[in-house]
């Protein structure tokens, strides 16, 4: 069984890899029938026939690229259309002198085309036989690269399905993701106004806004600034999104953010600004290397957070780890396809990755918020019942209601913590002790582990809110020590009625007392060789006196004991008391006495 569980993480990684491959395949552009696609178009300026798809990266001077395609229309054909898979930055299309894109104006550089395009051809614009299709694209450094994908002419019914599928990939899914982010932003704004003491919601809203900025860049049909500056703002939003997500996760997992993360972000912004000013934005190698470096930076932040947030719940760390990995993988796929296959770029896959990440994080935040709401609701109900009882029975006692409710809630939380310690660490210690006793019954290690287990139980008893009086605490200690004393062949007598109503004072003082008494009892079990052990507690003025007497072989007062008895003496000094060790009555056995002031 353990071996089977060991392979589960590998299976999850395989599933994630398969999912990423599936997403990459789904985002590949649909291809129309090859017989309908144009292989070459004629450049009217140079007379050459460049092959499609086409990319013009180096624009030394502004000009207009005019491409012509001549085709013939069969007499029986009807319902024709022109499909353009990708054209950037903007284009105009003219058929037989009729402008099919009258809204396009090359003098207004803020416009751009986005997504695939399908232009139905009216029958009155077609001629029997020879038809001329003129496609014009502006070429300028300020507009970025000029790219032209597939150009197909044929039956509209054959091209419509391809156009619709590619439109969803490049535009529809991104628009859906933007709508989801708007909804998440409104929900987060409402929760932030209700939970003003949680700044994590403000960071979440910042992440939502920055993710939406990138999607607006993808969907916007206009560029308020020139293409270079508009693109620089989009890239800046991506860098700030990485930083905001890092700070958000630091607050979510209560991890201190490193200063070097801010320095790395500033360095990335400076490098991006320098690339923009130097005109390296259009250089594919520089762009690809830069965004790979950004992806490595984000991946490094994920690893660093995962290492430092091991205290966080496993479900949260697992969910966010895969969501972050999916978002980074989507970014790498989009960047790689954009520069390695620039005419078939998966431009809509990055918004999908960031939206999945934001949704997963929003669900986890809402889960924590609902848990806090349930806790507050429980406290409010309990407080309401207490107020009703106090006002009904004794109006003067209503001032103690809050203290009672706070104590009950603290007791519930303390009991939960004690159960976790006892069921986890204590159960594991007990299992180890059982194995040691089976293999080496007389090992000293078994005795040490048994004493450590007893010490753990005593500490749990000291923290337990039920031990409010010294008598109750000593009764609990008596039950814990019955088994070790019986195993050593010793009968015990406990005289603790005199301190039954004495208050302990604090759990810290009780823990120290438990350690002192347990050390004295353990010392008697291991070294005294006694048959009878007597524990007596009494009040002497303003002091409490607790004596442990045995009828064993005794110990010389001058010997001073070992390190354990020395620790008892130091603990009693810290409590304002003292510890003495001497011979028992009539010089038989040992008498250890603890004295400390009443709280």
Protein backbone atom coordinates (compact mmCIF):
# COMPACT_ATOMS: atom_id res chain seq x y z
CA UNK A 1 0.00 0.00 0.00
CA UNK A 2 2.71 2.63 0.78
CA UNK A 3 4.32 1.98 -2.60
CA UNK A 4 1.02 2.60 -4.34
CA UNK A 5 0.57 5.90 -2.55
CA UNK A 6 4.12 6.89 -3.45
CA UNK A 7 3.24 6.91 -7.16
CA UNK A 8 0.19 9.14 -6.81
CA UNK A 9 2.12 12.43 -7.16
CA UNK A 10 3.64 11.13 -10.40
CA UNK A 11 0.21 10.24 -11.72
CA UNK A 12 -1.05 13.73 -10.88
CA UNK A 13 1.88 15.25 -12.77
CA UNK A 14 1.13 13.04 -15.75
CA UNK A 15 -2.50 14.12 -15.67
CA UNK A 16 -1.47 17.80 -15.53
CA UNK A 17 0.92 17.32 -18.46
CA UNK A 18 -1.80 15.57 -20.45
CA UNK A 19 -4.20 18.41 -19.67
CA UNK A 20 -1.67 20.98 -20.88
CA UNK A 21 -1.08 19.04 -24.09
CA UNK A 22 -4.82 18.83 -24.58
CA UNK A 23 -5.23 22.58 -24.09
CA UNK A 24 -2.37 23.26 -26.52
CA UNK A 25 -3.99 21.03 -29.13
CA UNK A 26 -7.39 22.63 -28.61
CA UNK A 27 -5.88 26.09 -29.05
CA UNK A 28 -4.29 25.26 -32.36
CA UNK A 29 -6.10 27.20 -35.06
CA UNK A 30 -8.53 25.25 -37.20
CA UNK A 31 -7.36 25.01 -40.80
CA UNK A 32 -9.76 25.51 -43.72
CA UNK A 33 -9.66 23.11 -46.68
CA UNK A 34 -6.38 23.58 -48.50
CA UNK A 35 -8.13 23.93 -51.86
CA UNK A 36 -9.81 27.15 -50.67
CA UNK A 37 -6.66 28.80 -49.30
CA UNK A 38 -4.43 31.21 -51.22
CA UNK A 39 -0.81 30.09 -51.38
CA UNK A 40 0.70 33.26 -52.95
CA UNK A 41 -0.36 36.87 -53.43
CA UNK A 42 1.24 39.46 -55.67
CA UNK A 43 3.02 42.43 -54.13
CA UNK A 44 2.01 45.32 -56.38
CA UNK A 45 4.99 47.46 -55.30
CA UNK A 46 7.75 44.95 -56.05
CA UNK A 47 6.00 42.60 -58.43
CA UNK A 48 7.02 39.60 -56.34
CA UNK A 49 4.67 36.84 -55.17
CA UNK A 50 5.36 36.25 -51.45
CA UNK A 51 4.09 33.06 -49.92
CA UNK A 52 1.43 33.09 -47.24
CA UNK A 53 1.51 33.21 -44.24
CA UNK A 54 3.60 36.38 -44.37
CA UNK A 55 5.51 38.39 -41.75
CA UNK A 56 7.28 41.74 -42.19
CA UNK A 57 9.42 42.38 -39.10
CA UNK A 58 11.91 45.05 -40.20
CA UNK A 59 10.16 48.26 -41.18
CA UNK A 60 12.82 50.82 -42.06
CA UNK A 61 10.25 53.29 -43.36
CA UNK A 62 6.49 53.62 -43.24
CA UNK A 63 4.69 52.27 -46.29
CA UNK A 64 1.61 50.32 -47.31
CA UNK A 65 1.85 46.69 -48.36
CA UNK A 66 -0.58 46.01 -51.22
CA UNK A 67 -1.25 42.36 -52.05
CA UNK A 68 -3.42 41.22 -54.93
CA UNK A 69 -5.14 37.94 -55.60
CA UNK A 70 -7.03 37.12 -58.79
CA UNK A 71 -9.61 34.34 -58.77
CA UNK A 72 -12.46 33.13 -60.89
CA UNK A 73 -15.98 32.46 -59.72
CA UNK A 74 -17.82 29.50 -61.23
CA UNK A 75 -21.17 30.40 -62.75
CA UNK A 76 -23.19 28.19 -60.39
CA UNK A 77 -21.52 29.35 -57.19
CA UNK A 78 -23.24 31.53 -54.58
CA UNK A 79 -22.74 32.54 -50.98
CA UNK A 80 -18.98 33.12 -51.20
CA UNK A 81 -16.85 34.62 -48.42
CA UNK A 82 -13.25 35.66 -47.70
CA UNK A 83 -11.65 34.24 -44.55
CA UNK A 84 -8.55 35.87 -43.02
CA UNK A 85 -7.11 33.95 -40.07
CA UNK A 86 -4.86 36.73 -38.80
CA UNK A 87 -3.91 40.19 -39.99
CA UNK A 88 -1.94 42.74 -37.99
CA UNK A 89 -1.89 45.54 -37.20
CA UNK A 90 -4.86 46.46 -39.43
CA UNK A 91 -5.97 45.85 -42.98
CA UNK A 92 -8.38 46.93 -45.67
CA UNK A 93 -10.02 44.61 -48.17
CA UNK A 94 -11.25 45.66 -51.61
CA UNK A 95 -13.10 43.37 -54.07
CA UNK A 96 -13.39 44.56 -57.66
CA UNK A 97 -13.14 48.17 -56.51
CA UNK A 98 -15.72 47.78 -53.70
CA UNK A 99 -14.34 48.43 -50.22
CA UNK A 100 -15.40 45.64 -47.83
CA UNK A 101 -13.88 47.45 -44.81
CA UNK A 102 -15.14 51.03 -45.03
CA UNK A 103 -14.53 51.60 -41.29
CA UNK A 104 -10.73 51.22 -41.65
CA UNK A 105 -8.65 54.41 -41.85
CA UNK A 106 -4.87 53.96 -42.08
CA UNK A 107 -4.30 57.54 -40.96
CA UNK A 108 -5.74 56.68 -37.52
CA UNK A 109 -3.07 54.45 -36.06
CA UNK A 110 -4.96 53.65 -32.87
CA UNK A 111 -7.15 51.07 -34.62
CA UNK A 112 -6.12 47.45 -35.01
CA UNK A 113 -7.64 44.16 -36.12
CA UNK A 114 -8.08 41.28 -33.72
CA UNK A 115 -9.14 37.69 -34.13
CA UNK A 116 -10.09 35.95 -37.39
CA UNK A 117 -12.30 37.66 -39.94
CA UNK A 118 -15.00 36.42 -42.29
CA UNK A 119 -16.22 38.77 -45.03
CA UNK A 120 -19.32 37.62 -46.97
CA UNK A 121 -19.16 38.55 -50.65
CA UNK A 122 -22.31 40.05 -52.10
CA UNK A 123 -23.39 38.61 -55.42
CA UNK A 124 -23.54 42.03 -57.04
CA UNK A 125 -19.86 42.62 -56.15
CA UNK A 126 -18.72 39.47 -57.96
CA UNK A 127 -18.09 39.12 -61.65
CA UNK A 128 -18.39 36.09 -63.79
CA UNK A 129 -14.89 34.91 -64.46
CA UNK A 130 -12.02 37.12 -63.28
CA UNK A 131 -12.25 38.84 -59.87
CA UNK A 132 -9.59 40.92 -58.15
CA UNK A 133 -9.09 40.90 -54.40
CA UNK A 134 -6.85 43.65 -53.00
CA UNK A 135 -5.53 43.39 -49.44
CA UNK A 136 -3.67 46.36 -47.98
CA UNK A 137 -1.69 46.44 -44.71
CA UNK A 138 0.28 49.36 -43.18
CA UNK A 139 3.95 48.74 -42.42
CA UNK A 140 5.54 50.96 -39.74
CA UNK A 141 7.86 50.47 -36.80
CA UNK A 142 5.45 52.22 -34.45
CA UNK A 143 2.72 49.73 -35.35
CA UNK A 144 4.78 46.63 -34.61
CA UNK A 145 5.18 43.62 -36.87
CA UNK A 146 3.00 43.30 -39.95
CA UNK A 147 1.61 39.77 -40.13
CA UNK A 148 -0.81 38.06 -42.46
CA UNK A 149 -2.08 34.54 -41.88
CA UNK A 150 -4.22 32.41 -44.13
CA UNK A 151 -6.41 33.99 -46.79
CA UNK A 152 -9.14 31.72 -48.13
CA UNK A 153 -11.88 32.31 -50.70
CA UNK A 154 -14.74 29.86 -51.04
CA UNK A 155 -18.18 28.78 -49.94
CA UNK A 156 -19.32 30.61 -46.84
CA UNK A 157 -20.73 27.45 -45.27
CA UNK A 158 -17.30 25.76 -45.55
CA UNK A 159 -15.46 28.71 -43.98
CA UNK A 160 -17.95 29.71 -41.28
CA UNK A 161 -17.21 26.77 -38.97
CA UNK A 162 -13.46 27.42 -39.14
CA UNK A 163 -13.95 31.12 -38.45
CA UNK A 164 -16.25 30.45 -35.49
CA UNK A 165 -13.88 27.92 -33.90
CA UNK A 166 -10.87 30.23 -34.23
CA UNK A 167 -12.90 33.21 -33.04
CA UNK A 168 -13.68 31.36 -29.81
CA UNK A 169 -10.03 30.47 -29.36
CA UNK A 170 -8.66 33.94 -29.98
CA UNK A 171 -11.50 36.17 -28.75
CA UNK A 172 -14.49 34.33 -27.28
CA UNK A 173 -12.69 32.54 -24.45
CA UNK A 174 -10.77 35.70 -23.56
CA UNK A 175 -14.03 37.69 -23.45
CA UNK A 176 -15.58 35.01 -21.22
CA UNK A 177 -12.57 35.12 -18.91
CA UNK A 178 -12.85 38.91 -18.71
CA UNK A 179 -16.53 38.63 -17.76
CA UNK A 180 -15.63 36.12 -15.03
CA UNK A 181 -12.96 38.47 -13.70
CA UNK A 182 -15.45 41.33 -13.56
CA UNK A 183 -17.82 39.16 -11.51
CA UNK A 184 -14.99 38.05 -9.22
CA UNK A 185 -13.89 41.66 -8.81
CA UNK A 186 -17.38 42.73 -7.72
CA UNK A 187 -17.63 39.84 -5.25
CA UNK A 188 -14.16 40.57 -3.86
CA UNK A 189 -15.00 44.27 -3.50
CA UNK A 190 -18.12 43.38 -1.50
CA UNK A 191 -16.20 40.99 0.77
CA UNK A 192 -13.41 43.54 1.22
CA UNK A 193 -15.94 46.12 2.41
CA UNK A 194 -17.40 43.59 4.85
CA UNK A 195 -14.02 42.37 6.12
CA UNK A 196 -11.99 45.55 6.30
CA UNK A 197 -9.57 44.01 8.76
CA UNK A 198 -8.32 41.57 6.10
CA UNK A 199 -5.97 43.38 3.66
CA UNK A 200 -5.61 40.18 1.66
CA UNK A 201 -8.82 41.04 -0.22
CA UNK A 202 -7.24 44.27 -1.46
CA UNK A 203 -4.32 42.32 -2.92
CA UNK A 204 -6.79 39.95 -4.53
CA UNK A 205 -8.63 42.85 -6.16
CA UNK A 206 -5.30 44.17 -7.46
CA UNK A 207 -4.59 40.76 -9.03
CA UNK A 208 -8.03 40.70 -10.65
CA UNK A 209 -7.57 44.20 -12.09
CA UNK A 210 -4.11 43.43 -13.48
CA UNK A 211 -5.29 40.18 -15.04
CA UNK A 212 -8.19 42.06 -16.62
CA UNK A 213 -5.79 44.67 -18.04
CA UNK A 214 -4.01 42.03 -20.11
CA UNK A 215 -7.34 40.75 -21.42
CA UNK A 216 -8.44 44.26 -22.34
CA UNK A 217 -5.22 44.55 -24.34
CA UNK A 218 -6.06 41.35 -26.20
CA UNK A 219 -9.69 42.33 -26.88
CA UNK A 220 -9.41 46.07 -27.48
CA UNK A 221 -9.98 47.11 -31.12
CA UNK A 222 -8.20 50.40 -30.52
CA UNK A 223 -4.85 51.42 -29.06
CA UNK A 224 -5.12 54.78 -27.21
CA UNK A 225 -1.35 55.22 -27.55
CA UNK A 226 0.88 53.98 -30.31
CA UNK A 227 1.36 50.22 -30.58
CA UNK A 228 4.72 50.19 -28.79
CA UNK A 229 3.48 52.07 -25.70
CA UNK A 230 0.20 50.16 -25.62
CA UNK A 231 2.11 46.92 -25.68
CA UNK A 232 4.51 48.17 -23.01
CA UNK A 233 1.57 48.90 -20.68
CA UNK A 234 0.23 45.39 -21.25
CA UNK A 235 3.63 43.87 -20.46
CA UNK A 236 3.86 46.03 -17.34
CA UNK A 237 0.50 44.68 -16.14
CA UNK A 238 1.86 41.13 -16.52
CA UNK A 239 4.93 41.94 -14.41
CA UNK A 240 2.86 43.66 -11.74
CA UNK A 241 0.47 40.69 -11.72
CA UNK A 242 3.37 38.36 -10.88
CA UNK A 243 4.43 40.62 -8.01
CA UNK A 244 0.88 41.13 -6.69
CA UNK A 245 0.21 37.39 -6.77
CA UNK A 246 3.44 36.76 -4.85
CA UNK A 247 2.50 39.28 -2.15
CA UNK A 248 -1.03 37.88 -2.00
CA UNK A 249 0.25 34.34 -1.44
CA UNK A 250 2.65 35.60 1.23
CA UNK A 251 -0.28 37.05 3.17
CA UNK A 252 -2.49 34.04 2.47
CA UNK A 253 0.08 31.63 3.92
CA UNK A 254 1.43 34.05 6.58
CA UNK A 255 4.91 34.05 5.03
CA UNK A 256 7.22 37.08 5.17
CA UNK A 257 7.87 38.49 1.68
CA UNK A 258 11.52 38.78 0.69
CA UNK A 259 12.95 42.12 -0.35
CA UNK A 260 14.70 40.53 -3.31
CA UNK A 261 11.33 39.78 -4.94
CA UNK A 262 10.67 43.52 -5.22
CA UNK A 263 14.18 44.09 -6.55
CA UNK A 264 13.68 41.39 -9.20
CA UNK A 265 10.41 42.99 -10.27
CA UNK A 266 12.02 46.43 -10.55
CA UNK A 267 14.86 44.86 -12.52
CA UNK A 268 12.38 43.23 -14.92
CA UNK A 269 10.57 46.57 -15.41
CA UNK A 270 13.86 48.37 -16.08
CA UNK A 271 14.93 45.71 -18.59
CA UNK A 272 11.55 45.90 -20.33
CA UNK A 273 11.76 49.69 -20.53
CA UNK A 274 15.28 49.48 -21.97
CA UNK A 275 14.13 46.95 -24.58
CA UNK A 276 11.26 49.22 -25.57
CA UNK A 277 13.51 52.29 -25.94
CA UNK A 278 16.14 50.30 -27.87
CA UNK A 279 13.58 48.88 -30.27
CA UNK A 280 14.24 45.29 -29.21
CA UNK A 281 10.57 44.56 -28.59
CA UNK A 282 10.18 43.37 -32.19
CA UNK A 283 13.29 41.16 -32.00
CA UNK A 284 11.96 37.59 -31.54
CA UNK A 285 15.07 36.24 -29.80
CA UNK A 286 15.16 39.05 -27.23
CA UNK A 287 11.43 38.82 -26.60
CA UNK A 288 11.44 35.06 -26.24
CA UNK A 289 14.43 35.12 -23.88
CA UNK A 290 12.90 37.88 -21.77
CA UNK A 291 9.56 36.16 -21.23
CA UNK A 292 11.22 32.83 -20.52
CA UNK A 293 13.22 34.62 -17.82
CA UNK A 294 9.97 36.07 -16.40
CA UNK A 295 8.42 32.58 -16.38
CA UNK A 296 11.47 31.20 -14.55
CA UNK A 297 11.20 34.03 -12.04
CA UNK A 298 7.53 33.22 -11.39
CA UNK A 299 8.36 29.52 -11.09
CA UNK A 300 11.14 30.30 -8.61
CA UNK A 301 8.71 32.31 -6.49
CA UNK A 302 6.31 29.36 -6.48
CA UNK A 303 9.02 26.96 -5.31
CA UNK A 304 10.24 29.40 -2.68
CA UNK A 305 6.72 29.90 -1.30
CA UNK A 306 5.99 26.17 -1.30
CA UNK A 307 9.12 25.50 0.74
CA UNK A 308 8.38 28.20 3.31
CA UNK A 309 4.63 27.50 3.56
CA UNK A 310 4.78 23.88 4.67
CA UNK A 311 2.67 24.81 7.67
CA UNK A 312 -0.25 25.61 5.37
CA UNK A 313 -2.98 22.99 4.76
CA UNK A 314 -1.97 20.42 2.17
CA UNK A 315 -5.18 20.91 0.16
CA UNK A 316 -4.48 24.64 -0.21
CA UNK A 317 -0.85 24.16 -1.20
CA UNK A 318 -1.73 21.45 -3.72
CA UNK A 319 -4.57 23.43 -5.33
CA UNK A 320 -2.54 26.61 -5.64
CA UNK A 321 0.58 24.77 -6.81
CA UNK A 322 -1.25 23.22 -9.74
CA UNK A 323 -3.15 26.43 -10.53
CA UNK A 324 0.10 28.40 -10.58
CA UNK A 325 1.78 25.72 -12.66
CA UNK A 326 -1.11 25.78 -15.13
CA UNK A 327 -0.96 29.58 -15.42
CA UNK A 328 2.79 29.56 -16.04
CA UNK A 329 2.48 26.73 -18.57
CA UNK A 330 -0.20 28.71 -20.45
CA UNK A 331 2.05 31.78 -20.48
CA UNK A 332 4.99 29.73 -21.79
CA UNK A 333 2.82 28.15 -24.51
CA UNK A 334 1.51 31.52 -25.67
CA UNK A 335 4.95 33.11 -25.68
CA UNK A 336 6.57 30.19 -27.46
CA UNK A 337 3.88 29.96 -30.12
CA UNK A 338 3.97 33.72 -30.62
CA UNK A 339 7.67 33.82 -31.44
CA UNK A 340 8.32 30.34 -32.80
CA UNK A 341 5.07 30.14 -34.79
CA UNK A 342 4.10 33.82 -35.01
CA UNK A 343 1.36 33.29 -37.59
CA UNK A 344 -0.44 30.63 -35.56
CA UNK A 345 -0.10 32.14 -32.08
CA UNK A 346 -2.32 30.92 -29.23
CA UNK A 347 -2.98 34.42 -27.96
CA UNK A 348 -6.02 33.42 -25.87
CA UNK A 349 -4.38 30.74 -23.75
CA UNK A 350 -2.64 33.08 -21.27
CA UNK A 351 -5.96 34.69 -20.16
CA UNK A 352 -7.32 31.19 -19.55
CA UNK A 353 -4.38 30.32 -17.26
CA UNK A 354 -4.61 33.52 -15.21
CA UNK A 355 -8.39 33.19 -14.89
CA UNK A 356 -8.10 29.62 -13.57
CA UNK A 357 -5.48 30.83 -11.06
CA UNK A 358 -7.62 33.75 -9.88
CA UNK A 359 -10.72 31.55 -9.57
CA UNK A 360 -8.90 28.89 -7.53
CA UNK A 361 -7.44 31.51 -5.21
CA UNK A 362 -10.83 33.21 -4.89
CA UNK A 363 -12.45 29.90 -3.91
CA UNK A 364 -9.81 29.33 -1.21
CA UNK A 365 -10.24 32.87 0.11
CA UNK A 366 -14.01 32.48 0.17
CA UNK A 367 -13.57 29.14 1.96
CA UNK A 368 -11.53 30.81 4.68
CA UNK A 369 -14.00 33.67 4.92
CA UNK A 370 -16.94 31.26 5.28
CA UNK A 371 -15.07 29.35 8.00
CA UNK A 372 -14.53 32.61 9.90
CA UNK A 373 -18.19 33.51 9.42
CA UNK A 374 -19.28 30.17 10.85
CA UNK A 375 -17.00 30.69 13.86
CA UNK A 376 -18.38 34.17 14.45
CA UNK A 377 -21.91 32.85 14.05
CA UNK A 378 -21.26 30.18 16.64
CA UNK A 379 -19.84 32.77 19.03
CA UNK A 380 -22.82 35.07 18.43
CA UNK A 381 -25.33 32.30 19.13
CA UNK A 382 -23.53 31.28 22.30
CA UNK A 383 -23.25 34.90 23.42
CA UNK A 384 -26.94 35.45 22.72
CA UNK A 385 -27.96 32.48 24.86
CA UNK A 386 -25.73 33.65 27.70
CA UNK A 387 -27.13 37.18 27.54
CA UNK A 388 -30.69 35.89 27.60
CA UNK A 389 -29.96 33.68 30.62
CA UNK A 390 -28.15 36.43 32.53
CA UNK A 391 -30.84 39.05 31.87
CA UNK A 392 -33.58 36.61 32.83
CA UNK A 393 -32.01 35.27 36.01
CA UNK A 394 -29.69 38.01 37.24
CA UNK A 395 -29.37 41.30 35.37
CA UNK A 396 -26.39 42.24 37.52
CA UNK A 397 -24.45 39.23 36.20
CA UNK A 398 -24.61 40.36 32.55
CA UNK A 399 -21.16 41.94 32.84
CA UNK A 400 -19.58 38.48 33.14
CA UNK A 401 -21.21 37.13 30.00
CA UNK A 402 -18.42 38.03 27.64
CA UNK A 403 -15.80 36.49 29.92
CA UNK A 404 -17.78 33.27 30.05
CA UNK A 405 -18.22 33.09 26.28
CA UNK A 406 -14.56 33.90 25.68
CA UNK A 407 -13.56 31.18 28.10
CA UNK A 408 -15.79 28.61 26.41
CA UNK A 409 -14.48 29.45 22.95
CA UNK A 410 -10.90 29.33 24.21
CA UNK A 411 -11.63 25.98 25.85
CA UNK A 412 -13.01 24.59 22.56
CA UNK A 413 -9.93 25.73 20.65
CA UNK A 414 -7.60 24.41 23.35
CA UNK A 415 -9.39 21.05 23.40
CA UNK A 416 -9.07 20.79 19.62
CA UNK A 417 -5.33 21.45 19.87
CA UNK A 418 -4.93 18.88 22.65
CA UNK A 419 -6.81 16.25 20.66
CA UNK A 420 -4.55 16.85 17.68
CA UNK A 421 -1.42 16.51 19.83
CA UNK A 422 -2.68 13.41 21.62
CA UNK A 423 -3.99 11.67 18.49
CA UNK A 424 -0.97 12.58 16.38
CA UNK A 425 2.33 12.81 18.23
CA UNK A 426 1.17 10.81 21.27
CA UNK A 427 -0.22 7.95 19.19
CA UNK A 428 2.99 7.78 17.18
CA UNK A 429 5.12 7.66 20.35
CA UNK A 430 2.94 4.86 21.70
CA UNK A 431 3.34 2.87 18.47
CA UNK A 432 7.14 3.25 18.64
CA UNK A 433 7.12 2.16 22.29
CA UNK A 434 5.11 -0.97 21.40
CA UNK A 435 7.57 -1.94 18.66
CA UNK A 436 10.57 -1.48 20.99
CA UNK A 437 8.98 -3.63 23.67
CA UNK A 438 8.33 -6.37 21.13
CA UNK A 439 11.88 -6.48 19.77
CA UNK A 440 13.96 -5.43 22.84
CA UNK A 441 11.87 -5.87 26.00
CA UNK A 442 14.61 -4.72 28.42
CA UNK A 443 15.86 -1.72 26.48
CA UNK A 444 16.49 1.54 28.33
CA UNK A 445 15.08 3.31 25.27
CA UNK A 446 11.62 1.94 26.08
CA UNK A 447 11.83 3.47 29.55
CA UNK A 448 12.90 6.84 28.14
CA UNK A 449 10.10 6.87 25.57
CA UNK A 450 7.55 5.89 28.21
CA UNK A 451 8.71 8.77 30.35
CA UNK A 452 8.53 11.15 27.38
CA UNK A 453 4.99 9.93 26.70
CA UNK A 454 4.08 10.49 30.34
CA UNK A 455 5.61 13.97 30.19
CA UNK A 456 3.52 14.75 27.10
CA UNK A 457 0.34 13.66 28.84
CA UNK A 458 1.20 15.72 31.90
CA UNK A 459 1.72 18.82 29.73
CA UNK A 460 -1.64 18.20 28.08
CA UNK A 461 -3.24 17.94 31.52
CA UNK A 462 -1.59 21.19 32.55
CA UNK A 463 -2.98 23.01 29.52
CA UNK A 464 -6.43 21.48 29.95
CA UNK A 465 -8.84 24.05 31.28
CA UNK A 466 -10.56 21.49 33.54
CA UNK A 467 -7.63 21.56 36.01
CA UNK A 468 -8.65 24.83 37.67
CA UNK A 469 -7.87 23.78 41.28
CA UNK A 470 -4.75 22.18 42.73
CA UNK A 471 -6.79 19.27 44.11
CA UNK A 472 -8.20 18.46 40.65
CA UNK A 473 -4.75 18.75 39.09
CA UNK A 474 -3.20 16.39 41.65
CA UNK A 475 -6.04 13.92 41.16
CA UNK A 476 -5.33 13.95 37.42
CA UNK A 477 -1.64 13.43 38.12
CA UNK A 478 -2.48 10.50 40.45
CA UNK A 479 -4.39 8.76 37.64
CA UNK A 480 -1.48 9.27 35.25
CA UNK A 481 1.07 7.84 37.71
CA UNK A 482 -0.92 4.77 38.80
CA UNK A 483 0.36 2.55 35.99
CA UNK A 484 4.10 3.43 36.33
CA UNK A 485 3.96 3.02 40.14
CA UNK A 486 2.15 -0.31 39.92
CA UNK A 487 4.67 -1.55 37.33
CA UNK A 488 7.48 -0.72 39.79
CA UNK A 489 5.72 -2.68 42.59
CA UNK A 490 4.98 0.39 44.69
CA UNK A 491 1.79 1.23 46.60
CA UNK A 492 0.89 4.91 46.65
CA UNK A 493 -1.05 6.96 49.19
CA UNK A 494 -2.29 10.44 48.26
CA UNK A 495 -3.41 12.94 50.90
CA UNK A 496 -4.52 15.98 48.90
CA UNK A 497 -7.89 16.96 50.41
CA UNK A 498 -6.35 19.97 52.15
CA UNK A 499 -5.70 21.73 48.82
CA UNK A 500 -8.89 20.67 47.04
CA UNK A 501 -10.14 24.24 46.66
CA UNK A 502 -6.80 26.00 46.15
CA UNK A 503 -6.58 27.71 42.75
CA UNK A 504 -3.65 26.92 40.50
CA UNK A 505 -3.07 30.43 39.20
CA UNK A 506 -2.01 29.72 35.61
CA UNK A 507 -1.34 26.80 33.28
CA UNK A 508 2.36 27.75 33.20
CA UNK A 509 2.69 27.36 36.99
CA UNK A 510 0.79 24.07 36.82
CA UNK A 511 3.12 22.78 34.11
CA UNK A 512 6.16 23.59 36.21
CA UNK A 513 4.64 21.88 39.27
CA UNK A 514 3.75 18.81 37.25
CA UNK A 515 7.31 18.57 35.99
CA UNK A 516 8.70 18.85 39.51
CA UNK A 517 6.36 16.24 41.01
CA UNK A 518 6.80 13.89 38.05
CA UNK A 519 10.59 14.15 38.42
CA UNK A 520 10.36 13.24 42.13
CA UNK A 521 8.06 10.29 41.45
CA UNK A 522 10.19 9.03 38.57
CA UNK A 523 13.30 9.35 40.71
CA UNK A 524 11.64 7.24 43.44
CA UNK A 525 10.59 4.60 40.90
CA UNK A 526 14.04 4.27 39.34
CA UNK A 527 16.36 4.66 42.34
CA UNK A 528 14.56 4.29 45.70
CA UNK A 529 13.69 0.59 45.60
CA UNK A 530 10.70 1.40 47.83
CA UNK A 531 7.46 -0.46 48.42
CA UNK A 532 5.34 2.43 49.60
CA UNK A 533 5.11 5.98 48.34
CA UNK A 534 3.20 8.75 50.06
CA UNK A 535 2.23 12.12 48.53
CA UNK A 536 0.85 14.68 50.98
CA UNK A 537 -0.21 18.27 50.33
CA UNK A 538 -1.17 20.79 53.01
CA UNK A 539 -1.39 24.51 53.73
CA UNK A 540 1.01 26.23 56.09
CA UNK A 541 0.07 29.87 56.38
CA UNK A 542 0.52 31.56 53.01
CA UNK A 543 2.45 28.62 51.56
CA UNK A 544 1.59 25.30 50.01
CA UNK A 545 3.69 22.33 51.05
CA UNK A 546 3.82 19.11 49.06
CA UNK A 547 5.91 16.20 50.37
CA UNK A 548 6.88 12.97 48.62
CA UNK A 549 8.00 10.22 51.07
CA UNK A 550 9.18 6.69 50.31
CA UNK A 551 10.49 3.79 52.42
CA UNK A 552 13.34 2.94 50.11
CA UNK A 553 17.08 2.90 50.50
CA UNK A 554 17.26 6.67 50.94
CA UNK A 555 19.68 9.29 49.72
CA UNK A 556 22.25 11.33 51.58
CA UNK A 557 21.21 14.99 51.82
CA UNK A 558 24.73 16.09 50.94
CA UNK A 559 24.66 14.15 47.70
CA UNK A 560 22.43 16.74 46.14
CA UNK A 561 20.93 14.38 43.55
CA UNK A 562 21.45 14.38 39.83
CA UNK A 563 20.53 16.79 37.07
CA UNK A 564 16.81 15.99 37.41
CA UNK A 565 16.71 17.10 41.05
CA UNK A 566 18.75 20.17 40.12
CA UNK A 567 16.06 21.08 37.58
CA UNK A 568 13.43 20.68 40.30
CA UNK A 569 15.30 23.17 42.46
CA UNK A 570 15.58 25.70 39.62
CA UNK A 571 11.90 25.42 38.74
CA UNK A 572 10.86 25.99 42.34
CA UNK A 573 13.05 29.08 42.54
CA UNK A 574 11.32 30.42 39.41
CA UNK A 575 7.98 29.91 41.16
CA UNK A 576 9.16 31.78 44.22
CA UNK A 577 9.43 28.60 46.31
CA UNK A 578 12.13 26.17 47.40
CA UNK A 579 12.98 22.48 47.26
CA UNK A 580 14.52 20.34 50.01
CA UNK A 581 15.66 16.72 50.04
CA UNK A 582 16.44 14.64 53.11
CA UNK A 583 15.91 11.41 54.99
CA UNK A 584 12.45 10.18 55.88
CA UNK A 585 10.90 9.61 59.30
CA UNK A 586 13.18 7.64 61.63
CA UNK A 587 15.89 7.87 59.01
CA UNK A 588 14.07 5.45 56.66
CA UNK A 589 13.70 6.26 53.01
CA UNK A 590 13.66 9.73 51.45
CA UNK A 591 11.56 12.83 51.98
CA UNK A 592 11.37 15.43 49.19
CA UNK A 593 9.52 18.64 49.98
CA UNK A 594 8.22 21.41 47.69
CA UNK A 595 7.17 24.79 49.10
CA UNK A 596 5.71 27.68 47.12
CA UNK A 597 3.44 30.65 47.91
CA UNK A 598 -0.29 30.46 47.33
CA UNK A 599 -1.39 32.28 44.15
